[in-house]
Amino acid sequence: MSRVTAAGPHGPAPDEPAPAPGSRRAQRDARREQILEVATRLFGEGGYRGTSLRDLARACGVSHPTLLHHFPGKDELLMAVLRRRDERTAAVFEDVDDPRELPALVLRLSEVNATAPGLVALFAVTSAEATAPEHPAHGYYRERYRAAVDGMSAQLERARAQGLLRAHVDPRRAARAVFALQDGAQVQWLLDPADADVTVLLADLVRAVFVEDAWPAQLRPAAPTTTGA
């Protein structure tokens, strides 16, 4: 089964017991989570290059050595933050059993992202910085987009085989268009939330790519009402 997003195995194993409240491990996990939250915000505001580990330590209220105890370097911290973001998107795009689910999931992802502007800002800033080959996340973003486009293309091929795509649509170009529109529209949304609705823009793309029978319920025109004689 094809996955639409690129997300590797992150976090504890499914059968690993949760740490006891107040235990040393629970305190360590809570501190690590706090550092990731702050790093997400600061990397999103100032970029990877514009944020130092000492800035992060001060914002977290910990010493520089304490921060290094949890994350041995800024590169490792950035990758942990990016993987954490992928966990959110993977929760939306799990294995798709029915291609008819895909249009609704495309819209759902934009709705989930709208609840986390800090993560959206982080992605917008670091993905632009990572176009430089020497950036520590350059390889991550290349692989992420490759895997995302491959996964979406495979799902759109399945949709085409079931007659769910419009005749002129090329699945791979459509897959790239989904991510290009989503990511570009999110930048506009960050700049002016009142004037850029990512879900509305993606809805227009869904209408252009899929035949009407595949549209999710919220995109279908309301049935005309009839009155009795």
C-alpha atoms as a PDB file:
ATOM      1  CA  MET A   1       0.000   0.000   0.000  1.00  0.00           C
ATOM      2  CA  SER A   2       1.453   3.382  -0.966  1.00  0.00           C
ATOM      3  CA  ARG A   3       1.907   6.138   1.564  1.00  0.00           C
ATOM      4  CA  VAL A   4       1.364   9.715   0.512  1.00  0.00           C
ATOM      5  CA  THR A   5       3.811  11.362   2.882  1.00  0.00           C
ATOM      6  CA  ALA A   6       7.365  10.534   3.848  1.00  0.00           C
ATOM      7  CA  ALA A   7       7.614   9.610   7.474  1.00  0.00           C
ATOM      8  CA  GLY A   8      10.006   7.118   8.977  1.00  0.00           C
ATOM      9  CA  PRO A   9       9.754   5.208  12.247  1.00  0.00           C
ATOM     10  CA  HIS A  10       9.915   7.869  14.953  1.00  0.00           C
ATOM     11  CA  GLY A  11       9.186   7.794  18.641  1.00  0.00           C
ATOM     12  CA  PRO A  12       8.960   4.820  21.014  1.00  0.00           C
ATOM     13  CA  ALA A  13       8.052   1.346  19.868  1.00  0.00           C
ATOM     14  CA  PRO A  14       4.318   0.595  20.098  1.00  0.00           C
ATOM     15  CA  ASP A  15       4.818  -1.867  22.962  1.00  0.00           C
ATOM     16  CA  GLU A  16       7.145   0.375  24.992  1.00  0.00           C
ATOM     17  CA  PRO A  17       5.433   1.270  28.292  1.00  0.00           C
ATOM     18  CA  ALA A  18       4.804   4.911  29.096  1.00  0.00           C
ATOM     19  CA  PRO A  19       7.115   6.341  31.765  1.00  0.00           C
ATOM     20  CA  ALA A  20       5.715   6.629  35.277  1.00  0.00           C
ATOM     21  CA  PRO A  21       4.617  10.202  36.131  1.00  0.00           C
ATOM     22  CA  GLY A  22       7.371  12.005  38.001  1.00  0.00           C
ATOM     23  CA  SER A  23      10.035   9.471  37.063  1.00  0.00           C
ATOM     24  CA  ARG A  24      13.413  10.552  35.766  1.00  0.00           C
ATOM     25  CA  ARG A  25      12.468   9.340  32.301  1.00  0.00           C
ATOM     26  CA  ALA A  26       9.174  11.256  32.379  1.00  0.00           C
ATOM     27  CA  GLN A  27      11.023  14.420  33.386  1.00  0.00           C
ATOM     28  CA  ARG A  28      13.554  13.881  30.613  1.00  0.00           C
ATOM     29  CA  ASP A  29      10.795  13.337  28.042  1.00  0.00           C
ATOM     30  CA  ALA A  30       8.957  16.453  29.235  1.00  0.00           C
ATOM     31  CA  ARG A  31      12.126  18.544  28.950  1.00  0.00           C
ATOM     32  CA  ARG A  32      12.834  17.161  25.491  1.00  0.00           C
ATOM     33  CA  GLU A  33       9.280  17.994  24.415  1.00  0.00           C
ATOM     34  CA  GLN A  34       9.648  21.545  25.750  1.00  0.00           C
ATOM     35  CA  ILE A  35      12.883  22.011  23.805  1.00  0.00           C
ATOM     36  CA  LEU A  36      11.218  20.773  20.609  1.00  0.00           C
ATOM     37  CA  GLU A  37       8.281  23.147  21.117  1.00  0.00           C
ATOM     38  CA  VAL A  38      10.576  26.144  21.611  1.00  0.00           C
ATOM     39  CA  ALA A  39      12.848  25.127  18.734  1.00  0.00           C
ATOM     40  CA  THR A  40       9.848  24.821  16.426  1.00  0.00           C
ATOM     41  CA  ARG A  41       8.808  28.372  17.292  1.00  0.00           C
ATOM     42  CA  LEU A  42      12.276  29.946  17.092  1.00  0.00           C
ATOM     43  CA  PHE A  43      13.316  28.157  13.900  1.00  0.00           C
ATOM     44  CA  GLY A  44      10.014  29.262  12.371  1.00  0.00           C
ATOM     45  CA  GLU A  45      10.558  32.876  13.432  1.00  0.00           C
ATOM     46  CA  GLY A  46      14.283  33.327  12.835  1.00  0.00           C
ATOM     47  CA  GLY A  47      15.223  30.426  10.599  1.00  0.00           C
ATOM     48  CA  TYR A  48      17.780  27.726  11.277  1.00  0.00           C
ATOM     49  CA  ARG A  49      20.784  29.924  10.586  1.00  0.00           C
ATOM     50  CA  GLY A  50      19.440  32.844  12.608  1.00  0.00           C
ATOM     51  CA  THR A  51      18.841  30.826  15.777  1.00  0.00           C
ATOM     52  CA  SER A  52      21.688  29.676  18.021  1.00  0.00           C
ATOM     53  CA  LEU A  53      21.615  26.891  20.587  1.00  0.00           C
ATOM     54  CA  ARG A  54      22.278  29.498  23.270  1.00  0.00           C
ATOM     55  CA  ASP A  55      19.167  31.387  22.097  1.00  0.00           C
ATOM     56  CA  LEU A  56      17.200  28.157  22.404  1.00  0.00           C
ATOM     57  CA  ALA A  57      18.615  27.362  25.835  1.00  0.00           C
ATOM     58  CA  ARG A  58      17.683  30.809  27.158  1.00  0.00           C
ATOM     59  CA  ALA A  59      14.167  30.548  25.716  1.00  0.00           C
ATOM     60  CA  CYS A  60      13.762  27.132  27.368  1.00  0.00           C
ATOM     61  CA  GLY A  61      15.108  28.349  30.710  1.00  0.00           C
ATOM     62  CA  VAL A  62      17.906  25.768  30.732  1.00  0.00           C
ATOM     63  CA  SER A  63      21.683  25.942  30.522  1.00  0.00           C
ATOM     64  CA  HIS A  64      23.552  25.393  27.293  1.00  0.00           C
ATOM     65  CA  PRO A  65      25.060  22.102  28.602  1.00  0.00           C
ATOM     66  CA  THR A  66      21.575  20.884  29.558  1.00  0.00           C
ATOM     67  CA  LEU A  67      20.336  21.525  26.050  1.00  0.00           C
ATOM     68  CA  LEU A  68      23.332  19.658  24.617  1.00  0.00           C
ATOM     69  CA  HIS A  69      22.540  16.736  26.923  1.00  0.00           C
ATOM     70  CA  HIS A  70      19.222  16.271  25.096  1.00  0.00           C
ATOM     71  CA  PHE A  71      20.414  17.256  21.605  1.00  0.00           C
ATOM     72  CA  PRO A  72      24.164  17.090  20.919  1.00  0.00           C
ATOM     73  CA  GLY A  73      24.042  19.718  18.178  1.00  0.00           C
ATOM     74  CA  LYS A  74      21.820  22.116  16.260  1.00  0.00           C
ATOM     75  CA  ASP A  75      21.651  19.820  13.242  1.00  0.00           C
ATOM     76  CA  GLU A  76      20.272  16.984  15.386  1.00  0.00           C
ATOM     77  CA  LEU A  77      17.742  19.312  16.985  1.00  0.00           C
ATOM     78  CA  LEU A  78      16.531  20.580  13.607  1.00  0.00           C
ATOM     79  CA  MET A  79      16.052  17.047  12.300  1.00  0.00           C
ATOM     80  CA  ALA A  80      14.137  16.066  15.447  1.00  0.00           C
ATOM     81  CA  VAL A  81      11.836  19.061  14.952  1.00  0.00           C
ATOM     82  CA  LEU A  82      11.247  18.177  11.284  1.00  0.00           C
ATOM     83  CA  ARG A  83      10.527  14.538  12.098  1.00  0.00           C
ATOM     84  CA  ARG A  84       8.084  15.700  14.749  1.00  0.00           C
ATOM     85  CA  ARG A  85       6.258  17.691  12.097  1.00  0.00           C
ATOM     86  CA  ASP A  86       6.116  14.629   9.857  1.00  0.00           C
ATOM     87  CA  GLU A  87       4.365  12.708  12.617  1.00  0.00           C
ATOM     88  CA  ARG A  88       1.473  15.177  12.356  1.00  0.00           C
ATOM     89  CA  THR A  89       1.115  14.819   8.603  1.00  0.00           C
ATOM     90  CA  ALA A  90       1.499  11.036   8.742  1.00  0.00           C
ATOM     91  CA  ALA A  91      -1.485  10.934  11.073  1.00  0.00           C
ATOM     92  CA  VAL A  92      -3.604  12.414   8.269  1.00  0.00           C
ATOM     93  CA  PHE A  93      -2.195  10.483   5.312  1.00  0.00           C
ATOM     94  CA  GLU A  94      -2.128   6.918   6.562  1.00  0.00           C
ATOM     95  CA  ASP A  95      -2.454   4.118   4.035  1.00  0.00           C
ATOM     96  CA  VAL A  96      -5.282   4.985   1.676  1.00  0.00           C
ATOM     97  CA  ASP A  97      -7.396   1.933   0.932  1.00  0.00           C
ATOM     98  CA  ASP A  98      -9.857   3.681  -1.374  1.00  0.00           C
ATOM     99  CA  PRO A  99      -8.713   6.379  -3.865  1.00  0.00           C
ATOM    100  CA  ARG A 100     -12.055   8.081  -3.273  1.00  0.00           C
ATOM    101  CA  GLU A 101     -10.720   9.074   0.166  1.00  0.00           C
ATOM    102  CA  LEU A 102      -7.866  11.074  -1.342  1.00  0.00           C
ATOM    103  CA  PRO A 103      -9.678  14.364  -2.187  1.00  0.00           C
ATOM    104  CA  ALA A 104     -11.037  14.667   1.358  1.00  0.00           C
ATOM    105  CA  LEU A 105      -7.611  13.904   2.852  1.00  0.00           C
ATOM    106  CA  VAL A 106      -5.954  16.615   0.741  1.00  0.00           C
ATOM    107  CA  LEU A 107      -8.370  19.129   2.256  1.00  0.00           C
ATOM    108  CA  ARG A 108      -8.007  17.620   5.729  1.00  0.00           C
ATOM    109  CA  LEU A 109      -4.245  18.171   5.755  1.00  0.00           C
ATOM    110  CA  SER A 110      -4.671  21.903   5.178  1.00  0.00           C
ATOM    111  CA  GLU A 111      -7.180  22.042   8.031  1.00  0.00           C
ATOM    112  CA  VAL A 112      -4.743  20.276  10.380  1.00  0.00           C
ATOM    113  CA  ASN A 113      -1.889  22.598   9.379  1.00  0.00           C
ATOM    114  CA  ALA A 114      -4.066  25.642  10.058  1.00  0.00           C
ATOM    115  CA  THR A 115      -4.149  24.646  13.739  1.00  0.00           C
ATOM    116  CA  ALA A 116      -0.334  24.788  13.981  1.00  0.00           C
ATOM    117  CA  PRO A 117       0.968  28.011  12.406  1.00  0.00           C
ATOM    118  CA  GLY A 118       4.317  27.559  14.159  1.00  0.00           C
ATOM    119  CA  LEU A 119       4.939  24.292  12.335  1.00  0.00           C
ATOM    120  CA  VAL A 120       3.804  25.838   9.051  1.00  0.00           C
ATOM    121  CA  ALA A 121       6.230  28.736   9.559  1.00  0.00           C
ATOM    122  CA  LEU A 122       9.015  26.305  10.426  1.00  0.00           C
ATOM    123  CA  PHE A 123       8.427  24.361   7.217  1.00  0.00           C
ATOM    124  CA  ALA A 124       8.214  27.508   5.076  1.00  0.00           C
ATOM    125  CA  VAL A 125      11.423  29.015   6.456  1.00  0.00           C
ATOM    126  CA  THR A 126      13.588  25.900   6.682  1.00  0.00           C
ATOM    127  CA  SER A 127      12.507  24.449   3.319  1.00  0.00           C
ATOM    128  CA  ALA A 128      13.561  27.709   1.635  1.00  0.00           C
ATOM    129  CA  GLU A 129      16.878  27.732   3.503  1.00  0.00           C
ATOM    130  CA  ALA A 130      17.432  24.061   2.665  1.00  0.00           C
ATOM    131  CA  THR A 131      17.592  24.747  -1.076  1.00  0.00           C
ATOM    132  CA  ALA A 132      21.286  25.447  -0.359  1.00  0.00           C
ATOM    133  CA  PRO A 133      23.133  22.112  -0.773  1.00  0.00           C
ATOM    134  CA  GLU A 134      25.227  22.727   2.353  1.00  0.00           C
ATOM    135  CA  HIS A 135      22.161  23.126   4.596  1.00  0.00           C
ATOM    136  CA  PRO A 136      21.805  20.215   7.066  1.00  0.00           C
ATOM    137  CA  ALA A 137      18.200  19.610   5.982  1.00  0.00           C
ATOM    138  CA  HIS A 138      18.894  19.709   2.233  1.00  0.00           C
ATOM    139  CA  GLY A 139      18.844  15.939   1.866  1.00  0.00           C
ATOM    140  CA  TYR A 140      15.851  15.622   4.162  1.00  0.00           C
ATOM    141  CA  TYR A 141      13.699  17.965   2.073  1.00  0.00           C
ATOM    142  CA  ARG A 142      14.806  16.412  -1.221  1.00  0.00           C
ATOM    143  CA  GLU A 143      13.832  12.971   0.047  1.00  0.00           C
ATOM    144  CA  ARG A 144      10.652  14.236   1.657  1.00  0.00           C
ATOM    145  CA  TYR A 145       9.376  15.799  -1.562  1.00  0.00           C
ATOM    146  CA  ARG A 146      10.451  12.798  -3.616  1.00  0.00           C
ATOM    147  CA  ALA A 147       8.638  10.370  -1.334  1.00  0.00           C
ATOM    148  CA  ALA A 148       5.581  12.615  -1.038  1.00  0.00           C
ATOM    149  CA  VAL A 149       5.246  13.044  -4.801  1.00  0.00           C
ATOM    150  CA  ASP A 150       5.872   9.322  -5.412  1.00  0.00           C
ATOM    151  CA  GLY A 151       3.210   8.370  -2.880  1.00  0.00           C
ATOM    152  CA  MET A 152       0.643  10.853  -4.143  1.00  0.00           C
ATOM    153  CA  SER A 153       1.352   9.854  -7.751  1.00  0.00           C
ATOM    154  CA  ALA A 154       0.730   6.199  -6.938  1.00  0.00           C
ATOM    155  CA  GLN A 155      -2.595   7.038  -5.325  1.00  0.00           C
ATOM    156  CA  LEU A 156      -3.608   9.216  -8.276  1.00  0.00           C
ATOM    157  CA  GLU A 157      -2.695   6.397 -10.680  1.00  0.00           C
ATOM    158  CA  ARG A 158      -5.078   4.159  -8.747  1.00  0.00           C
ATOM    159  CA  ALA A 159      -7.716   6.872  -8.923  1.00  0.00           C
ATOM    160  CA  ARG A 160      -7.241   7.175 -12.689  1.00  0.00           C
ATOM    161  CA  ALA A 161      -7.628   3.410 -13.102  1.00  0.00           C
ATOM    162  CA  GLN A 162     -11.002   3.705 -11.387  1.00  0.00           C
ATOM    163  CA  GLY A 163     -12.111   6.586 -13.610  1.00  0.00           C
ATOM    164  CA  LEU A 164     -11.888   9.182 -10.815  1.00  0.00           C
ATOM    165  CA  LEU A 165      -9.551  11.648 -12.580  1.00  0.00           C
ATOM    166  CA  ARG A 166     -10.464  14.039 -15.346  1.00  0.00           C
ATOM    167  CA  ALA A 167      -9.285  12.814 -18.748  1.00  0.00           C
ATOM    168  CA  HIS A 168      -6.544  15.447 -19.199  1.00  0.00           C
ATOM    169  CA  VAL A 169      -4.903  14.951 -15.769  1.00  0.00           C
ATOM    170  CA  ASP A 170      -1.400  13.477 -15.546  1.00  0.00           C
ATOM    171  CA  PRO A 171      -1.063  11.854 -12.080  1.00  0.00           C
ATOM    172  CA  ARG A 172       2.546  12.865 -11.426  1.00  0.00           C
ATOM    173  CA  ARG A 173       2.084  16.481 -12.506  1.00  0.00           C
ATOM    174  CA  ALA A 174      -1.090  16.624 -10.433  1.00  0.00           C
ATOM    175  CA  ALA A 175       0.803  15.264  -7.411  1.00  0.00           C
ATOM    176  CA  ARG A 176       3.419  17.995  -7.749  1.00  0.00           C
ATOM    177  CA  ALA A 177       0.674  20.583  -8.173  1.00  0.00           C
ATOM    178  CA  VAL A 178      -0.963  19.515  -4.891  1.00  0.00           C
ATOM    179  CA  PHE A 179       2.232  20.068  -2.886  1.00  0.00           C
ATOM    180  CA  ALA A 180       3.236  23.199  -4.798  1.00  0.00           C
ATOM    181  CA  LEU A 181      -0.150  24.823  -4.206  1.00  0.00           C
ATOM    182  CA  GLN A 182      -0.329  23.740  -0.584  1.00  0.00           C
ATOM    183  CA  ASP A 183       3.156  24.954   0.332  1.00  0.00           C
ATOM    184  CA  GLY A 184       2.944  28.200  -1.626  1.00  0.00           C
ATOM    185  CA  ALA A 185      -0.525  29.020  -0.307  1.00  0.00           C
ATOM    186  CA  GLN A 186       0.660  28.397   3.247  1.00  0.00           C
ATOM    187  CA  VAL A 187       3.266  31.145   2.867  1.00  0.00           C
ATOM    188  CA  GLN A 188       0.542  33.546   1.750  1.00  0.00           C
ATOM    189  CA  TRP A 189      -1.609  32.400   4.674  1.00  0.00           C
ATOM    190  CA  LEU A 190       1.209  33.122   7.132  1.00  0.00           C
ATOM    191  CA  LEU A 191       1.539  36.627   5.682  1.00  0.00           C
ATOM    192  CA  ASP A 192      -2.188  37.381   5.542  1.00  0.00           C
ATOM    193  CA  PRO A 193      -4.439  34.742   7.168  1.00  0.00           C
ATOM    194  CA  ALA A 194      -7.601  36.713   6.424  1.00  0.00           C
ATOM    195  CA  ASP A 195      -6.971  36.775   2.687  1.00  0.00           C
ATOM    196  CA  ALA A 196      -5.512  33.330   1.917  1.00  0.00           C
ATOM    197  CA  ASP A 197      -7.586  30.247   2.712  1.00  0.00           C
ATOM    198  CA  VAL A 198      -5.452  27.229   1.844  1.00  0.00           C
ATOM    199  CA  THR A 199      -8.377  24.810   2.042  1.00  0.00           C
ATOM    200  CA  VAL A 200     -10.436  26.865  -0.423  1.00  0.00           C
ATOM    201  CA  LEU A 201      -7.538  26.971  -2.899  1.00  0.00           C
ATOM    202  CA  LEU A 202      -6.955  23.235  -2.591  1.00  0.00           C
ATOM    203  CA  ALA A 203     -10.684  22.661  -3.078  1.00  0.00           C
ATOM    204  CA  ASP A 204     -10.408  24.380  -6.466  1.00  0.00           C
ATOM    205  CA  LEU A 205      -7.538  22.047  -7.367  1.00  0.00           C
ATOM    206  CA  VAL A 206      -9.521  18.997  -6.248  1.00  0.00           C
ATOM    207  CA  ARG A 207     -12.370  20.073  -8.533  1.00  0.00           C
ATOM    208  CA  ALA A 208      -9.943  20.469 -11.441  1.00  0.00           C
ATOM    209  CA  VAL A 209      -8.252  17.081 -10.913  1.00  0.00           C
ATOM    210  CA  PHE A 210     -11.084  14.745  -9.880  1.00  0.00           C
ATOM    211  CA  VAL A 211     -14.392  14.019 -11.573  1.00  0.00           C
ATOM    212  CA  GLU A 212     -17.403  15.258  -9.644  1.00  0.00           C
ATOM    213  CA  ASP A 213     -18.338  11.788  -8.424  1.00  0.00           C
ATOM    214  CA  ALA A 214     -15.082  11.712  -6.429  1.00  0.00           C
ATOM    215  CA  TRP A 215     -15.517  15.084  -4.737  1.00  0.00           C
ATOM    216  CA  PRO A 216     -16.017  14.996  -0.977  1.00  0.00           C
ATOM    217  CA  ALA A 217     -19.478  15.906   0.214  1.00  0.00           C
ATOM    218  CA  GLN A 218     -18.559  19.481   1.175  1.00  0.00           C
ATOM    219  CA  LEU A 219     -17.601  20.286  -2.432  1.00  0.00           C
ATOM    220  CA  ARG A 220     -20.690  18.944  -4.119  1.00  0.00           C
ATOM    221  CA  PRO A 221     -23.401  21.397  -5.080  1.00  0.00           C
ATOM    222  CA  ALA A 222     -26.449  21.299  -2.891  1.00  0.00           C
ATOM    223  CA  ALA A 223     -29.310  19.330  -4.336  1.00  0.00           C
ATOM    224  CA  PRO A 224     -32.144  21.575  -5.521  1.00  0.00           C
ATOM    225  CA  THR A 225     -35.097  21.684  -3.186  1.00  0.00           C
ATOM    226  CA  THR A 226     -38.511  20.796  -4.470  1.00  0.00           C
ATOM    227  CA  THR A 227     -41.835  21.928  -3.208  1.00  0.00           C
ATOM    228  CA  GLY A 228     -45.080  20.078  -3.423  1.00  0.00           C
ATOM    229  CA  ALA A 229     -47.876  21.242  -5.687  1.00  0.00           C
END
